[in-house]
């Protein structure tokens, strides 16, 4: 999660130029998790302990998920890049990333993790951000 947060934060100059905000929604704050996460994420962080943002049907990956090769490869890639995870908290709910335009534009990109560490391509995020119409007049 920290590696993806850092990757997304590297897009902050483009987002600022386009007038696009960067937000994270997290489901728990154990010990200093959110404080520690701020070192990697350059946007506003919201805590959703009731997990309302995660939808009516949360997507989970069970304990068997740690047996998947892709999970281990993602963990190794993050470790090689200097990112450390933690094993505190719930840890089984899969995350997602959305690029949402104003007004009727709605969702321009939706990336749902299929397994732990399944990151969105930065090029997909950039393409979606470039589609955002920031000139929509506010009512």
N, C-alpha and C. Protein backbone atom coordinates (compact mmCIF):
# COMPACT_ATOMS: atom_id res chain seq x y z
N UNK A 1 0.82 -1.18 0.00
CA UNK A 1 0.00 0.00 0.00
C UNK A 1 0.87 1.25 0.00
N UNK A 2 1.97 1.24 0.73
CA UNK A 2 2.82 2.43 0.79
C UNK A 2 3.49 2.69 -0.55
N UNK A 3 3.87 1.62 -1.25
CA UNK A 3 4.50 1.81 -2.55
C UNK A 3 3.52 2.44 -3.54
N UNK A 4 2.29 1.96 -3.55
CA UNK A 4 1.30 2.54 -4.45
C UNK A 4 0.98 3.98 -4.06
N UNK A 5 0.91 4.25 -2.77
CA UNK A 5 0.66 5.62 -2.31
C UNK A 5 1.77 6.55 -2.76
N UNK A 6 3.00 6.09 -2.68
CA UNK A 6 4.14 6.88 -3.12
C UNK A 6 4.09 7.11 -4.63
N UNK A 7 3.75 6.06 -5.37
CA UNK A 7 3.64 6.20 -6.83
C UNK A 7 2.57 7.22 -7.20
N UNK A 8 1.42 7.13 -6.54
CA UNK A 8 0.34 8.07 -6.83
C UNK A 8 0.71 9.49 -6.42
N UNK A 9 1.40 9.62 -5.30
CA UNK A 9 1.83 10.94 -4.84
C UNK A 9 2.81 11.58 -5.80
N UNK A 10 3.55 10.77 -6.55
CA UNK A 10 4.48 11.33 -7.53
C UNK A 10 3.73 12.05 -8.65
N UNK A 11 2.43 11.78 -8.77
CA UNK A 11 1.61 12.46 -9.78
C UNK A 11 1.03 13.77 -9.28
N UNK A 12 1.33 14.14 -8.04
CA UNK A 12 0.74 15.34 -7.42
C UNK A 12 0.94 16.60 -8.26
N UNK A 13 2.12 16.85 -8.86
CA UNK A 13 2.24 18.06 -9.69
C UNK A 13 1.24 18.08 -10.86
N UNK A 14 1.03 16.93 -11.50
CA UNK A 14 0.06 16.85 -12.59
C UNK A 14 -1.35 17.08 -12.06
N UNK A 15 -1.66 16.46 -10.93
CA UNK A 15 -2.99 16.63 -10.34
C UNK A 15 -3.25 18.08 -9.98
N UNK A 16 -2.27 18.72 -9.35
CA UNK A 16 -2.40 20.13 -8.97
C UNK A 16 -2.60 21.01 -10.20
N UNK A 17 -1.83 20.73 -11.24
CA UNK A 17 -1.93 21.50 -12.48
C UNK A 17 -3.33 21.39 -13.09
N UNK A 18 -3.94 20.22 -12.96
CA UNK A 18 -5.28 19.97 -13.52
C UNK A 18 -6.41 20.31 -12.54
N UNK A 19 -6.06 20.72 -11.32
CA UNK A 19 -7.07 21.05 -10.33
C UNK A 19 -7.76 19.82 -9.76
N UNK A 20 -7.03 18.72 -9.67
CA UNK A 20 -7.58 17.45 -9.20
C UNK A 20 -7.02 17.12 -7.82
N UNK A 21 -7.90 16.79 -6.89
CA UNK A 21 -7.49 16.46 -5.53
C UNK A 21 -7.10 14.98 -5.44
N UNK A 22 -6.25 14.67 -4.46
CA UNK A 22 -5.81 13.30 -4.20
C UNK A 22 -6.26 12.92 -2.79
N UNK A 23 -7.08 11.87 -2.69
CA UNK A 23 -7.62 11.41 -1.42
C UNK A 23 -7.32 9.94 -1.22
N UNK A 24 -7.21 9.53 0.04
CA UNK A 24 -7.14 8.11 0.41
C UNK A 24 -8.22 7.86 1.45
N UNK A 25 -8.84 6.70 1.35
CA UNK A 25 -9.81 6.26 2.36
C UNK A 25 -9.25 4.99 2.95
N UNK A 26 -9.03 5.00 4.27
CA UNK A 26 -8.50 3.83 4.96
C UNK A 26 -9.52 3.32 5.97
N UNK A 27 -9.44 2.04 6.27
CA UNK A 27 -10.48 1.42 7.10
C UNK A 27 -10.12 1.32 8.57
N UNK A 28 -8.87 1.56 8.92
CA UNK A 28 -8.48 1.45 10.32
C UNK A 28 -7.25 2.31 10.58
N UNK A 29 -7.06 2.60 11.86
CA UNK A 29 -5.89 3.38 12.28
C UNK A 29 -5.35 2.73 13.54
N UNK A 30 -4.52 1.73 13.37
CA UNK A 30 -3.94 1.02 14.50
C UNK A 30 -2.60 1.66 14.82
N UNK A 31 -2.44 1.99 16.09
CA UNK A 31 -1.22 2.66 16.56
C UNK A 31 -1.01 3.93 15.74
N UNK A 32 0.09 4.00 15.00
CA UNK A 32 0.42 5.21 14.24
C UNK A 32 0.30 4.99 12.73
N UNK A 33 -0.57 4.07 12.31
CA UNK A 33 -0.67 3.72 10.89
C UNK A 33 -0.91 4.91 9.97
N UNK A 34 -1.91 5.73 10.27
CA UNK A 34 -2.21 6.86 9.39
C UNK A 34 -1.06 7.87 9.42
N UNK A 35 -0.53 8.12 10.60
CA UNK A 35 0.63 9.02 10.71
C UNK A 35 1.79 8.50 9.85
N UNK A 36 2.06 7.21 9.95
CA UNK A 36 3.16 6.61 9.17
C UNK A 36 2.87 6.66 7.67
N UNK A 37 1.60 6.48 7.30
CA UNK A 37 1.18 6.47 5.90
C UNK A 37 1.40 7.84 5.25
N UNK A 38 1.29 8.90 6.05
CA UNK A 38 1.46 10.26 5.53
C UNK A 38 2.85 10.48 4.92
N UNK A 39 3.82 9.70 5.34
CA UNK A 39 5.17 9.83 4.77
C UNK A 39 5.19 9.40 3.30
N UNK A 40 4.22 8.60 2.88
CA UNK A 40 4.17 8.08 1.52
C UNK A 40 3.08 8.71 0.67
N UNK A 41 2.07 9.30 1.31
CA UNK A 41 0.90 9.79 0.60
C UNK A 41 0.78 11.30 0.74
N UNK A 42 0.73 11.99 -0.39
CA UNK A 42 0.71 13.45 -0.42
C UNK A 42 -0.69 13.97 -0.74
N UNK A 43 -1.66 13.48 0.00
CA UNK A 43 -3.03 13.92 -0.19
C UNK A 43 -3.77 13.83 1.13
N UNK A 44 -5.06 14.12 1.09
CA UNK A 44 -5.87 14.05 2.31
C UNK A 44 -6.27 12.60 2.57
N UNK A 45 -6.25 12.21 3.85
CA UNK A 45 -6.57 10.84 4.25
C UNK A 45 -7.83 10.85 5.10
N UNK A 46 -8.79 10.00 4.74
CA UNK A 46 -10.04 9.87 5.49
C UNK A 46 -10.10 8.49 6.13
N UNK A 47 -10.53 8.45 7.38
CA UNK A 47 -10.70 7.20 8.11
C UNK A 47 -12.16 6.79 8.05
N UNK A 48 -12.42 5.59 7.53
CA UNK A 48 -13.77 5.06 7.39
C UNK A 48 -13.88 3.76 8.18
N UNK A 49 -13.98 3.88 9.50
CA UNK A 49 -14.01 2.70 10.35
C UNK A 49 -15.27 1.86 10.14
N UNK A 50 -16.36 2.47 9.70
CA UNK A 50 -17.59 1.72 9.43
C UNK A 50 -17.54 1.07 8.05
N UNK A 51 -16.54 1.41 7.27
CA UNK A 51 -16.30 0.87 5.93
C UNK A 51 -17.48 1.10 4.98
N UNK A 52 -18.10 2.25 5.11
CA UNK A 52 -19.21 2.61 4.22
C UNK A 52 -18.71 2.80 2.78
N UNK A 53 -17.53 3.37 2.64
CA UNK A 53 -16.97 3.60 1.30
C UNK A 53 -16.64 2.30 0.58
N UNK A 54 -16.45 1.24 1.32
CA UNK A 54 -16.05 -0.04 0.74
C UNK A 54 -17.23 -0.77 0.10
N UNK A 55 -18.41 -0.19 0.17
CA UNK A 55 -19.57 -0.70 -0.54
C UNK A 55 -20.40 -1.69 0.26
N UNK A 56 -21.54 -2.04 -0.33
CA UNK A 56 -22.43 -2.98 0.36
C UNK A 56 -21.85 -4.40 0.43
N UNK A 57 -20.95 -4.72 -0.50
CA UNK A 57 -20.30 -6.03 -0.49
C UNK A 57 -18.79 -5.83 -0.53
N UNK A 58 -18.16 -5.99 0.62
CA UNK A 58 -16.70 -5.86 0.66
C UNK A 58 -16.07 -7.02 -0.10
N UNK A 59 -14.95 -6.73 -0.72
CA UNK A 59 -14.21 -7.79 -1.43
C UNK A 59 -13.06 -8.22 -0.54
N UNK A 60 -13.00 -9.50 -0.28
CA UNK A 60 -12.02 -10.07 0.64
C UNK A 60 -11.11 -11.05 -0.08
N UNK A 61 -9.92 -11.20 0.44
CA UNK A 61 -9.03 -12.27 0.03
C UNK A 61 -8.64 -12.99 1.31
N UNK A 62 -8.92 -14.25 1.36
CA UNK A 62 -8.67 -15.03 2.57
C UNK A 62 -7.20 -15.33 2.79
N UNK A 63 -6.96 -16.13 3.79
CA UNK A 63 -5.60 -16.53 4.15
C UNK A 63 -4.90 -17.21 2.99
N UNK A 64 -5.66 -17.89 2.14
CA UNK A 64 -5.06 -18.57 0.98
C UNK A 64 -4.39 -17.58 0.03
N UNK A 65 -4.74 -16.29 0.16
CA UNK A 65 -4.13 -15.28 -0.69
C UNK A 65 -2.62 -15.19 -0.53
N UNK A 66 -2.13 -15.51 0.64
CA UNK A 66 -0.67 -15.44 0.83
C UNK A 66 0.06 -16.56 0.10
N UNK A 67 -0.68 -17.52 -0.44
CA UNK A 67 -0.08 -18.60 -1.20
C UNK A 67 0.06 -18.26 -2.68
N UNK A 68 -0.54 -17.18 -3.11
CA UNK A 68 -0.48 -16.79 -4.52
C UNK A 68 0.88 -16.22 -4.89
N UNK A 69 1.38 -16.64 -6.05
CA UNK A 69 2.68 -16.16 -6.52
C UNK A 69 2.67 -14.65 -6.71
N UNK A 70 1.58 -14.10 -7.24
CA UNK A 70 1.50 -12.66 -7.49
C UNK A 70 1.62 -11.84 -6.22
N UNK A 71 1.07 -12.37 -5.13
CA UNK A 71 1.16 -11.67 -3.85
C UNK A 71 2.61 -11.62 -3.38
N UNK A 72 3.29 -12.74 -3.48
CA UNK A 72 4.70 -12.79 -3.07
C UNK A 72 5.57 -11.90 -3.97
N UNK A 73 5.28 -11.89 -5.28
CA UNK A 73 6.05 -11.06 -6.20
C UNK A 73 5.83 -9.57 -5.89
N UNK A 74 4.59 -9.20 -5.59
CA UNK A 74 4.30 -7.81 -5.23
C UNK A 74 5.02 -7.41 -3.94
N UNK A 75 4.99 -8.32 -2.96
CA UNK A 75 5.69 -8.07 -1.70
C UNK A 75 7.18 -7.92 -1.91
N UNK A 76 7.74 -8.78 -2.72
CA UNK A 76 9.19 -8.72 -3.00
C UNK A 76 9.54 -7.43 -3.73
N UNK A 77 8.72 -7.05 -4.71
CA UNK A 77 8.97 -5.82 -5.45
C UNK A 77 8.92 -4.61 -4.52
N UNK A 78 7.96 -4.58 -3.61
CA UNK A 78 7.86 -3.48 -2.66
C UNK A 78 9.08 -3.46 -1.73
N UNK A 79 9.46 -4.63 -1.24
CA UNK A 79 10.62 -4.74 -0.35
C UNK A 79 11.88 -4.26 -1.06
N UNK A 80 12.06 -4.67 -2.31
CA UNK A 80 13.24 -4.27 -3.08
C UNK A 80 13.29 -2.75 -3.30
N UNK A 81 12.11 -2.14 -3.32
CA UNK A 81 12.03 -0.69 -3.51
C UNK A 81 12.12 0.07 -2.19
N UNK A 82 12.29 -0.66 -1.09
CA UNK A 82 12.46 -0.02 0.21
C UNK A 82 11.17 0.21 0.97
N UNK A 83 10.09 -0.45 0.58
CA UNK A 83 8.81 -0.28 1.25
C UNK A 83 8.54 -1.48 2.14
N UNK A 84 8.16 -1.19 3.37
CA UNK A 84 7.84 -2.22 4.34
C UNK A 84 6.36 -2.16 4.65
N UNK A 85 5.73 -3.28 4.74
CA UNK A 85 4.34 -3.33 5.14
C UNK A 85 4.25 -3.61 6.62
N UNK A 86 3.05 -3.90 7.08
CA UNK A 86 2.90 -4.32 8.46
C UNK A 86 1.88 -5.45 8.49
N UNK A 87 1.81 -6.14 9.57
CA UNK A 87 0.86 -7.25 9.71
C UNK A 87 -0.13 -6.97 10.82
N UNK A 88 -0.34 -5.69 11.09
CA UNK A 88 -1.32 -5.31 12.11
C UNK A 88 -2.68 -5.13 11.46
N UNK A 89 -3.71 -5.37 12.22
CA UNK A 89 -5.06 -5.09 11.77
C UNK A 89 -5.69 -6.21 10.99
N UNK A 90 -6.80 -5.88 10.36
CA UNK A 90 -7.65 -6.86 9.69
C UNK A 90 -6.95 -7.47 8.47
N UNK A 91 -6.56 -6.69 7.50
CA UNK A 91 -5.69 -7.14 6.43
C UNK A 91 -6.24 -8.00 5.32
N UNK A 92 -7.54 -8.28 5.28
CA UNK A 92 -8.06 -9.15 4.23
C UNK A 92 -8.95 -8.43 3.21
N UNK A 93 -9.36 -7.20 3.49
CA UNK A 93 -10.21 -6.46 2.55
C UNK A 93 -9.35 -5.91 1.43
N UNK A 94 -9.78 -6.17 0.20
CA UNK A 94 -9.05 -5.67 -0.97
C UNK A 94 -9.40 -4.21 -1.21
N UNK A 95 -8.47 -3.47 -1.75
CA UNK A 95 -8.67 -2.05 -1.99
C UNK A 95 -9.03 -1.75 -3.43
N UNK A 96 -9.15 -0.48 -3.71
CA UNK A 96 -9.49 -0.02 -5.06
C UNK A 96 -8.97 1.40 -5.24
N UNK A 97 -8.94 1.82 -6.48
CA UNK A 97 -8.56 3.18 -6.83
C UNK A 97 -9.58 3.70 -7.82
N UNK A 98 -10.03 4.94 -7.62
CA UNK A 98 -10.99 5.57 -8.52
C UNK A 98 -10.47 6.93 -8.94
N UNK A 99 -10.66 7.25 -10.21
CA UNK A 99 -10.47 8.61 -10.69
C UNK A 99 -11.88 9.07 -11.05
N UNK A 100 -12.33 10.13 -10.38
CA UNK A 100 -13.71 10.59 -10.52
C UNK A 100 -13.71 12.04 -11.00
N UNK A 101 -14.41 12.26 -12.08
CA UNK A 101 -14.54 13.60 -12.63
C UNK A 101 -15.72 14.32 -12.01
N UNK A 102 -15.80 15.63 -12.18
CA UNK A 102 -16.89 16.40 -11.60
C UNK A 102 -18.21 16.20 -12.35
N UNK A 103 -19.28 16.48 -11.66
CA UNK A 103 -20.60 16.47 -12.30
C UNK A 103 -20.94 15.16 -12.97
N UNK A 104 -21.38 15.26 -14.20
CA UNK A 104 -21.82 14.08 -14.95
C UNK A 104 -20.68 13.23 -15.48
N UNK A 105 -19.44 13.66 -15.33
CA UNK A 105 -18.33 12.84 -15.80
C UNK A 105 -18.25 11.54 -15.02
N UNK A 106 -18.45 11.61 -13.72
CA UNK A 106 -18.47 10.39 -12.91
C UNK A 106 -17.15 9.66 -12.88
N UNK A 107 -17.22 8.33 -12.79
CA UNK A 107 -16.02 7.49 -12.65
C UNK A 107 -15.33 7.36 -14.01
N UNK A 108 -14.08 7.81 -14.07
CA UNK A 108 -13.28 7.72 -15.29
C UNK A 108 -12.32 6.54 -15.26
N UNK A 109 -11.99 6.08 -14.07
CA UNK A 109 -11.12 4.90 -13.91
C UNK A 109 -11.51 4.21 -12.62
N UNK A 110 -11.66 2.91 -12.70
CA UNK A 110 -11.92 2.09 -11.51
C UNK A 110 -10.97 0.91 -11.57
N UNK A 111 -10.11 0.82 -10.57
CA UNK A 111 -9.17 -0.30 -10.47
C UNK A 111 -9.40 -0.99 -9.14
N UNK A 112 -9.90 -2.21 -9.18
CA UNK A 112 -10.12 -2.99 -7.96
C UNK A 112 -9.03 -4.04 -7.84
N UNK A 113 -8.41 -4.07 -6.67
CA UNK A 113 -7.40 -5.10 -6.43
C UNK A 113 -8.00 -6.48 -6.63
N UNK A 114 -7.30 -7.33 -7.36
CA UNK A 114 -7.73 -8.71 -7.52
C UNK A 114 -7.03 -9.60 -6.50
N UNK A 115 -5.85 -9.16 -6.06
CA UNK A 115 -5.11 -9.83 -5.00
C UNK A 115 -4.26 -8.77 -4.31
N UNK A 116 -3.73 -9.08 -3.15
CA UNK A 116 -2.92 -8.11 -2.42
C UNK A 116 -1.77 -7.62 -3.30
N UNK A 117 -1.58 -6.30 -3.34
CA UNK A 117 -0.46 -5.74 -4.08
C UNK A 117 -0.73 -5.52 -5.56
N UNK A 118 -1.95 -5.75 -6.01
CA UNK A 118 -2.32 -5.54 -7.41
C UNK A 118 -2.47 -4.05 -7.65
N UNK A 119 -1.41 -3.42 -8.18
CA UNK A 119 -1.38 -1.97 -8.34
C UNK A 119 -1.95 -1.53 -9.68
N UNK A 120 -2.51 -0.34 -9.69
CA UNK A 120 -2.97 0.28 -10.92
C UNK A 120 -1.76 0.77 -11.70
N UNK A 121 -1.86 0.81 -13.01
CA UNK A 121 -0.79 1.36 -13.83
C UNK A 121 -0.88 2.89 -13.76
N UNK A 122 0.26 3.51 -13.50
CA UNK A 122 0.28 4.98 -13.43
C UNK A 122 -0.18 5.59 -14.75
N UNK A 123 0.15 4.94 -15.85
CA UNK A 123 -0.26 5.47 -17.16
C UNK A 123 -1.79 5.50 -17.28
N UNK A 124 -2.47 4.52 -16.69
CA UNK A 124 -3.95 4.52 -16.70
C UNK A 124 -4.49 5.68 -15.88
N UNK A 125 -3.84 5.96 -14.74
CA UNK A 125 -4.27 7.07 -13.90
C UNK A 125 -4.06 8.39 -14.64
N UNK A 126 -2.91 8.55 -15.26
CA UNK A 126 -2.61 9.78 -16.00
C UNK A 126 -3.62 9.98 -17.12
N UNK A 127 -3.92 8.91 -17.86
CA UNK A 127 -4.89 9.00 -18.95
C UNK A 127 -6.26 9.43 -18.43
N UNK A 128 -6.69 8.87 -17.32
CA UNK A 128 -7.99 9.24 -16.74
C UNK A 128 -7.98 10.69 -16.25
N UNK A 129 -6.90 11.10 -15.59
CA UNK A 129 -6.81 12.48 -15.08
C UNK A 129 -6.86 13.47 -16.24
N UNK A 130 -6.25 13.13 -17.35
CA UNK A 130 -6.26 14.03 -18.50
C UNK A 130 -7.65 14.16 -19.12
N UNK A 131 -8.54 13.23 -18.81
CA UNK A 131 -9.92 13.29 -19.31
C UNK A 131 -10.82 14.17 -18.45
N UNK A 132 -10.35 14.52 -17.25
CA UNK A 132 -11.18 15.29 -16.34
C UNK A 132 -11.41 16.68 -16.88
N UNK A 133 -12.68 17.06 -16.91
CA UNK A 133 -13.07 18.39 -17.36
C UNK A 133 -13.20 19.27 -16.12
N UNK A 134 -12.19 20.05 -15.86
CA UNK A 134 -12.21 20.92 -14.68
C UNK A 134 -12.90 22.25 -14.97
N UNK A 135 -13.41 22.41 -16.18
CA UNK A 135 -14.07 23.67 -16.55
C UNK A 135 -15.58 23.64 -16.33
N UNK A 136 -16.10 22.54 -15.77
CA UNK A 136 -17.54 22.43 -15.53
C UNK A 136 -17.95 23.54 -14.55
N UNK A 137 -18.96 24.28 -14.94
CA UNK A 137 -19.44 25.39 -14.09
C UNK A 137 -20.20 24.83 -12.89
N UNK A 138 -19.94 25.40 -11.71
CA UNK A 138 -20.65 24.98 -10.51
C UNK A 138 -22.00 25.67 -10.47
N UNK A 139 -23.00 24.91 -10.06
CA UNK A 139 -24.36 25.47 -10.02
C UNK A 139 -24.55 26.36 -8.82
